[in-house]
PDB file of N, CA and C in Angstrom:
ATOM      1  N   UNK A   1     264.063  59.747  81.982  1.00  0.00           N
ATOM      2  CA  UNK A   1     264.746  59.135  83.088  1.00  0.00           C
ATOM      3  C   UNK A   1     265.865  60.058  83.537  1.00  0.00           C
ATOM      4  N   UNK A   2     266.028  60.161  84.845  1.00  0.00           N
ATOM      5  CA  UNK A   2     267.073  61.008  85.414  1.00  0.00           C
ATOM      6  C   UNK A   2     267.959  60.195  86.334  1.00  0.00           C
ATOM      7  N   UNK A   3     269.163  60.674  86.513  1.00  0.00           N
ATOM      8  CA  UNK A   3     270.098  60.032  87.428  1.00  0.00           C
ATOM      9  C   UNK A   3     270.190  60.888  88.685  1.00  0.00           C
ATOM     10  N   UNK A   4     270.124  60.227  89.821  1.00  0.00           N
ATOM     11  CA  UNK A   4     270.208  60.920  91.108  1.00  0.00           C
ATOM     12  C   UNK A   4     271.431  60.394  91.837  1.00  0.00           C
ATOM     13  N   UNK A   5     272.230  61.295  92.357  1.00  0.00           N
ATOM     14  CA  UNK A   5     273.402  60.870  93.109  1.00  0.00           C
ATOM     15  C   UNK A   5     273.073  60.897  94.599  1.00  0.00           C
ATOM     16  N   UNK A   6     273.284  59.765  95.251  1.00  0.00           N
ATOM     17  CA  UNK A   6     273.082  59.661  96.693  1.00  0.00           C
ATOM     18  C   UNK A   6     274.281  58.952  97.296  1.00  0.00           C
ATOM     19  N   UNK A   7     274.421  59.057  98.588  1.00  0.00           N
ATOM     20  CA  UNK A   7     275.558  58.421  99.257  1.00  0.00           C
ATOM     21  C   UNK A   7     275.443  56.900  99.161  1.00  0.00           C
ATOM     22  N   UNK A   8     276.567  56.238  99.354  1.00  0.00           N
ATOM     23  CA  UNK A   8     276.574  54.774  99.315  1.00  0.00           C
ATOM     24  C   UNK A   8     275.666  54.200 100.402  1.00  0.00           C
ATOM     25  N   UNK A   9     275.675  54.832 101.564  1.00  0.00           N
ATOM     26  CA  UNK A   9     274.844  54.361 102.679  1.00  0.00           C
ATOM     27  C   UNK A   9     273.360  54.469 102.330  1.00  0.00           C
ATOM     28  N   UNK A  10     272.962  55.599 101.754  1.00  0.00           N
ATOM     29  CA  UNK A  10     271.565  55.781 101.363  1.00  0.00           C
ATOM     30  C   UNK A  10     271.178  54.801 100.255  1.00  0.00           C
ATOM     31  N   UNK A  11     272.102  54.559  99.315  1.00  0.00           N
ATOM     32  CA  UNK A  11     271.829  53.611  98.228  1.00  0.00           C
ATOM     33  C   UNK A  11     271.648  52.202  98.774  1.00  0.00           C
ATOM     34  N   UNK A  12     272.446  51.838  99.756  1.00  0.00           N
ATOM     35  CA  UNK A  12     272.318  50.516 100.366  1.00  0.00           C
ATOM     36  C   UNK A  12     270.975  50.376 101.062  1.00  0.00           C
ATOM     37  N   UNK A  13     270.599  51.404 101.820  1.00  0.00           N
ATOM     38  CA  UNK A  13     269.303  51.372 102.506  1.00  0.00           C
ATOM     39  C   UNK A  13     268.157  51.313 101.520  1.00  0.00           C
ATOM     40  N   UNK A  14     268.272  52.064 100.441  1.00  0.00           N
ATOM     41  CA  UNK A  14     267.234  52.069  99.412  1.00  0.00           C
ATOM     42  C   UNK A  14     267.097  50.682  98.782  1.00  0.00           C
ATOM     43  N   UNK A  15     268.216  50.056  98.470  1.00  0.00           N
ATOM     44  CA  UNK A  15     268.181  48.708  97.892  1.00  0.00           C
ATOM     45  C   UNK A  15     267.574  47.697  98.867  1.00  0.00           C
ATOM     46  N   UNK A  16     267.932  47.811 100.139  1.00  0.00           N
ATOM     47  CA  UNK A  16     267.382  46.891 101.145  1.00  0.00           C
ATOM     48  C   UNK A  16     265.871  47.058 101.276  1.00  0.00           C
ATOM     49  N   UNK A  17     265.419  48.304 101.310  1.00  0.00           N
ATOM     50  CA  UNK A  17     263.979  48.560 101.420  1.00  0.00           C
ATOM     51  C   UNK A  17     263.237  48.007 100.211  1.00  0.00           C
ATOM     52  N   UNK A  18     263.788  48.231  99.026  1.00  0.00           N
ATOM     53  CA  UNK A  18     263.150  47.749  97.799  1.00  0.00           C
ATOM     54  C   UNK A  18     263.118  46.225  97.766  1.00  0.00           C
ATOM     55  N   UNK A  19     264.193  45.605  98.226  1.00  0.00           N
ATOM     56  CA  UNK A  19     264.247  44.145  98.248  1.00  0.00           C
ATOM     57  C   UNK A  19     263.196  43.578  99.198  1.00  0.00           C
ATOM     58  N   UNK A  20     263.036  44.197 100.366  1.00  0.00           N
ATOM     59  CA  UNK A  20     262.033  43.737 101.334  1.00  0.00           C
ATOM     60  C   UNK A  20     260.624  43.835 100.768  1.00  0.00           C
ATOM     61  N   UNK A  21     260.388  44.864  99.937  1.00  0.00           N
ATOM     62  CA  UNK A  21     259.052  45.051  99.371  1.00  0.00           C
ATOM     63  C   UNK A  21     258.887  44.332  98.033  1.00  0.00           C
ATOM     64  N   UNK A  22     259.952  43.728  97.564  1.00  0.00           N
ATOM     65  CA  UNK A  22     259.937  43.007  96.286  1.00  0.00           C
ATOM     66  C   UNK A  22     259.565  43.918  95.121  1.00  0.00           C
ATOM     67  N   UNK A  23     260.141  45.127  95.132  1.00  0.00           N
ATOM     68  CA  UNK A  23     259.925  46.079  94.041  1.00  0.00           C
ATOM     69  C   UNK A  23     261.276  46.685  93.658  1.00  0.00           C
ATOM     70  N   UNK A  24     261.294  47.379  92.546  1.00  0.00           N
ATOM     71  CA  UNK A  24     262.535  48.032  92.116  1.00  0.00           C
ATOM     72  C   UNK A  24     262.771  49.294  92.944  1.00  0.00           C
ATOM     73  N   UNK A  25     264.014  49.769  92.913  1.00  0.00           N
ATOM     74  CA  UNK A  25     264.326  50.996  93.661  1.00  0.00           C
ATOM     75  C   UNK A  25     263.577  52.191  93.089  1.00  0.00           C
ATOM     76  N   UNK A  26     263.416  52.233  91.788  1.00  0.00           N
ATOM     77  CA  UNK A  26     262.683  53.357  91.189  1.00  0.00           C
ATOM     78  C   UNK A  26     261.215  53.329  91.609  1.00  0.00           C
ATOM     79  N   UNK A  27     260.619  52.140  91.689  1.00  0.00           N
ATOM     80  CA  UNK A  27     259.230  52.031  92.146  1.00  0.00           C
ATOM     81  C   UNK A  27     259.115  52.455  93.610  1.00  0.00           C
ATOM     82  N   UNK A  28     260.115  52.093  94.406  1.00  0.00           N
ATOM     83  CA  UNK A  28     260.113  52.488  95.811  1.00  0.00           C
ATOM     84  C   UNK A  28     260.200  54.000  95.952  1.00  0.00           C
ATOM     85  N   UNK A  29     261.073  54.621  95.172  1.00  0.00           N
ATOM     86  CA  UNK A  29     261.195  56.083  95.215  1.00  0.00           C
ATOM     87  C   UNK A  29     259.878  56.737  94.817  1.00  0.00           C
ATOM     88  N   UNK A  30     259.235  56.214  93.785  1.00  0.00           N
ATOM     89  CA  UNK A  30     257.947  56.764  93.361  1.00  0.00           C
ATOM     90  C   UNK A  30     256.897  56.628  94.470  1.00  0.00           C
ATOM     91  N   UNK A  31     256.894  55.488  95.167  1.00  0.00           N
ATOM     92  CA  UNK A  31     255.958  55.301  96.285  1.00  0.00           C
ATOM     93  C   UNK A  31     256.219  56.306  97.400  1.00  0.00           C
ATOM     94  N   UNK A  32     257.492  56.489  97.718  1.00  0.00           N
ATOM     95  CA  UNK A  32     257.850  57.416  98.787  1.00  0.00           C
ATOM     96  C   UNK A  32     257.439  58.849  98.438  1.00  0.00           C
ATOM     97  N   UNK A  33     257.643  59.231  97.186  1.00  0.00           N
ATOM     98  CA  UNK A  33     257.241  60.573  96.748  1.00  0.00           C
ATOM     99  C   UNK A  33     255.723  60.716  96.807  1.00  0.00           C
ATOM    100  N   UNK A  34     255.012  59.699  96.343  1.00  0.00           N
ATOM    101  CA  UNK A  34     253.546  59.733  96.372  1.00  0.00           C
ATOM    102  C   UNK A  34     253.036  59.853  97.810  1.00  0.00           C
ATOM    103  N   UNK A  35     253.614  59.057  98.723  1.00  0.00           N
ATOM    104  CA  UNK A  35     253.205  59.116 100.130  1.00  0.00           C
ATOM    105  C   UNK A  35     253.490  60.481 100.735  1.00  0.00           C
ATOM    106  N   UNK A  36     254.619  61.055 100.393  1.00  0.00           N
ATOM    107  CA  UNK A  36     254.979  62.379 100.919  1.00  0.00           C
ATOM    108  C   UNK A  36     253.979  63.424 100.448  1.00  0.00           C
ATOM    109  N   UNK A  37     253.598  63.359  99.182  1.00  0.00           N
ATOM    110  CA  UNK A  37     252.642  64.327  98.635  1.00  0.00           C
ATOM    111  C   UNK A  37     251.264  64.153  99.257  1.00  0.00           C
ATOM    112  N   UNK A  38     250.856  62.916  99.517  1.00  0.00           N
ATOM    113  CA  UNK A  38     249.545  62.676 100.127  1.00  0.00           C
ATOM    114  C   UNK A  38     249.492  63.204 101.548  1.00  0.00           C
ATOM    115  N   UNK A  39     250.608  63.117 102.268  1.00  0.00           N
ATOM    116  CA  UNK A  39     250.648  63.606 103.643  1.00  0.00           C
ATOM    117  C   UNK A  39     250.542  65.114 103.712  1.00  0.00           C
ATOM    118  N   UNK A  40     250.903  65.807 102.650  1.00  0.00           N
ATOM    119  CA  UNK A  40     250.897  67.270 102.651  1.00  0.00           C
ATOM    120  C   UNK A  40     249.568  67.852 102.189  1.00  0.00           C
ATOM    121  N   UNK A  41     248.565  67.005 101.985  1.00  0.00           N
ATOM    122  CA  UNK A  41     247.253  67.505 101.593  1.00  0.00           C
ATOM    123  C   UNK A  41     246.705  68.366 102.715  1.00  0.00           C
ATOM    124  N   UNK A  42     246.083  69.489 102.383  1.00  0.00           N
ATOM    125  CA  UNK A  42     245.572  70.367 103.439  1.00  0.00           C
ATOM    126  C   UNK A  42     244.446  69.698 104.229  1.00  0.00           C
ATOM    127  N   UNK A  43     244.390  70.027 105.490  1.00  0.00           N
ATOM    128  CA  UNK A  43     243.319  69.530 106.360  1.00  0.00           C
ATOM    129  C   UNK A  43     242.189  70.539 106.293  1.00  0.00           C
ATOM    130  N   UNK A  44     241.014  70.080 105.957  1.00  0.00           N
ATOM    131  CA  UNK A  44     239.867  70.971 105.843  1.00  0.00           C
ATOM    132  C   UNK A  44     239.283  71.264 107.218  1.00  0.00           C
ATOM    133  N   UNK A  45     238.871  72.498 107.412  1.00  0.00           N
ATOM    134  CA  UNK A  45     238.273  72.902 108.682  1.00  0.00           C
ATOM    135  C   UNK A  45     237.001  72.111 108.960  1.00  0.00           C
ATOM    136  N   UNK A  46     236.263  71.782 107.924  1.00  0.00           N
ATOM    137  CA  UNK A  46     235.039  71.002 108.123  1.00  0.00           C
ATOM    138  C   UNK A  46     235.346  69.617 108.675  1.00  0.00           C
ATOM    139  N   UNK A  47     236.476  69.040 108.262  1.00  0.00           N
ATOM    140  CA  UNK A  47     236.875  67.737 108.805  1.00  0.00           C
ATOM    141  C   UNK A  47     237.239  67.846 110.275  1.00  0.00           C
ATOM    142  N   UNK A  48     237.894  68.944 110.637  1.00  0.00           N
ATOM    143  CA  UNK A  48     238.264  69.163 112.038  1.00  0.00           C
ATOM    144  C   UNK A  48     237.007  69.335 112.880  1.00  0.00           C
ATOM    145  N   UNK A  49     236.061  70.097 112.391  1.00  0.00           N
ATOM    146  CA  UNK A  49     234.814  70.347 113.130  1.00  0.00           C
ATOM    147  C   UNK A  49     234.022  69.058 113.312  1.00  0.00           C
ATOM    148  N   UNK A  50     233.995  68.226 112.293  1.00  0.00           N
ATOM    149  CA  UNK A  50     233.274  66.957 112.404  1.00  0.00           C
ATOM    150  C   UNK A  50     233.886  66.049 113.459  1.00  0.00           C
ATOM    151  N   UNK A  51     235.187  66.185 113.685  1.00  0.00           N
ATOM    152  CA  UNK A  51     235.880  65.332 114.650  1.00  0.00           C
ATOM    153  C   UNK A  51     235.740  65.835 116.084  1.00  0.00           C
ATOM    154  N   UNK A  52     235.234  67.045 116.267  1.00  0.00           N
ATOM    155  CA  UNK A  52     235.097  67.597 117.621  1.00  0.00           C
ATOM    156  C   UNK A  52     233.993  66.874 118.386  1.00  0.00           C
ATOM    157  N   UNK A  53     234.147  66.763 119.696  1.00  0.00           N
ATOM    158  CA  UNK A  53     233.087  66.121 120.485  1.00  0.00           C
ATOM    159  C   UNK A  53     231.857  67.025 120.569  1.00  0.00           C
ATOM    160  N   UNK A  54     230.708  66.430 120.765  1.00  0.00           N
ATOM    161  CA  UNK A  54     229.469  67.188 120.913  1.00  0.00           C
ATOM    162  C   UNK A  54     229.357  67.674 122.341  1.00  0.00           C
ATOM    163  N   UNK A  55     229.060  68.964 122.488  1.00  0.00           N
ATOM    164  CA  UNK A  55     228.911  69.555 123.818  1.00  0.00           C
ATOM    165  C   UNK A  55     227.427  69.827 124.048  1.00  0.00           C
ATOM    166  N   UNK A  56     226.868  69.232 125.065  1.00  0.00           N
ATOM    167  CA  UNK A  56     225.428  69.335 125.325  1.00  0.00           C
ATOM    168  C   UNK A  56     224.983  70.762 125.593  1.00  0.00           C
ATOM    169  N   UNK A  57     225.855  71.591 126.104  1.00  0.00           N
ATOM    170  CA  UNK A  57     225.491  72.970 126.428  1.00  0.00           C
ATOM    171  C   UNK A  57     225.045  73.719 125.186  1.00  0.00           C
ATOM    172  N   UNK A  58     225.631  73.397 124.042  1.00  0.00           N
ATOM    173  CA  UNK A  58     225.325  74.132 122.825  1.00  0.00           C
ATOM    174  C   UNK A  58     224.233  73.492 121.977  1.00  0.00           C
ATOM    175  N   UNK A  59     223.572  72.476 122.504  1.00  0.00           N
ATOM    176  CA  UNK A  59     222.475  71.874 121.759  1.00  0.00           C
ATOM    177  C   UNK A  59     221.231  72.729 121.913  1.00  0.00           C
ATOM    178  N   UNK A  60     220.358  72.685 120.942  1.00  0.00           N
ATOM    179  CA  UNK A  60     219.101  73.408 121.016  1.00  0.00           C
ATOM    180  C   UNK A  60     219.155  74.719 120.253  1.00  0.00           C
ATOM    181  N   UNK A  61     218.120  75.508 120.462  1.00  0.00           N
ATOM    182  CA  UNK A  61     217.963  76.779 119.776  1.00  0.00           C
ATOM    183  C   UNK A  61     218.739  77.865 120.537  1.00  0.00           C
ATOM    184  N   UNK A  62     219.751  78.489 119.927  1.00  0.00           N
ATOM    185  CA  UNK A  62     220.540  79.484 120.640  1.00  0.00           C
ATOM    186  C   UNK A  62     219.726  80.694 121.087  1.00  0.00           C
ATOM    187  N   UNK A  63     218.735  81.091 120.301  1.00  0.00           N
ATOM    188  CA  UNK A  63     217.900  82.235 120.678  1.00  0.00           C
ATOM    189  C   UNK A  63     217.082  81.902 121.925  1.00  0.00           C
ATOM    190  N   UNK A  64     216.572  80.693 121.985  1.00  0.00           N
ATOM    191  CA  UNK A  64     215.795  80.264 123.156  1.00  0.00           C
ATOM    192  C   UNK A  64     216.682  80.222 124.395  1.00  0.00           C
ATOM    193  N   UNK A  65     217.891  79.781 124.232  1.00  0.00           N
ATOM    194  CA  UNK A  65     218.833  79.757 125.361  1.00  0.00           C
ATOM    195  C   UNK A  65     219.066  81.173 125.864  1.00  0.00           C
ATOM    196  N   UNK A  66     219.225  82.143 124.946  1.00  0.00           N
ATOM    197  CA  UNK A  66     219.408  83.540 125.350  1.00  0.00           C
ATOM    198  C   UNK A  66     218.190  84.055 126.098  1.00  0.00           C
ATOM    199  N   UNK A  67     217.014  83.737 125.615  1.00  0.00           N
ATOM    200  CA  UNK A  67     215.780  84.188 126.283  1.00  0.00           C
ATOM    201  C   UNK A  67     215.704  83.653 127.711  1.00  0.00           C
ATOM    202  N   UNK A  68     216.017  82.379 127.878  1.00  0.00           N
ATOM    203  CA  UNK A  68     215.983  81.791 129.214  1.00  0.00           C
ATOM    204  C   UNK A  68     216.976  82.472 130.141  1.00  0.00           C
ATOM    205  N   UNK A  69     218.166  82.765 129.619  1.00  0.00           N
ATOM    206  CA  UNK A  69     219.173  83.441 130.443  1.00  0.00           C
ATOM    207  C   UNK A  69     218.717  84.841 130.820  1.00  0.00           C
ATOM    208  N   UNK A  70     218.113  85.557 129.880  1.00  0.00           N
ATOM    209  CA  UNK A  70     217.623  86.911 130.171  1.00  0.00           C
ATOM    210  C   UNK A  70     216.473  86.862 131.182  1.00  0.00           C
ATOM    211  N   UNK A  71     215.619  85.851 131.059  1.00  0.00           N
ATOM    212  CA  UNK A  71     214.496  85.712 132.005  1.00  0.00           C
ATOM    213  C   UNK A  71     215.030  85.470 133.407  1.00  0.00           C
ATOM    214  N   UNK A  72     216.159  84.802 133.547  1.00  0.00           N
ATOM    215  CA  UNK A  72     216.732  84.567 134.870  1.00  0.00           C
ATOM    216  C   UNK A  72     217.203  85.866 135.524  1.00  0.00           C
ATOM    217  N   UNK A  73     217.527  86.870 134.727  1.00  0.00           N
ATOM    218  CA  UNK A  73     218.033  88.122 135.273  1.00  0.00           C
ATOM    219  C   UNK A  73     216.880  88.963 135.858  1.00  0.00           C
ATOM    220  N   UNK A  74     215.680  88.715 135.430  1.00  0.00           N
ATOM    221  CA  UNK A  74     214.545  89.552 135.898  1.00  0.00           C
ATOM    222  C   UNK A  74     213.983  89.066 137.193  1.00  0.00           C
TER     223      UNK A  74
END
């Protein structure tokens, strides 16, 4: 167990928050630390890609699309 020194104003706010949640101040601090750590989890590029909208232009076989474009030039 450790002792943390905080201002009277912060201690009052901490006590009020803990009282509203019906938990101890130490439990509240642990929750806040846990939430902070969860928010800092890295965002995976695969998750970002999955969230992107589907663009119809890029559907299909890319090689076939190139062939069609080249055929238009002739």
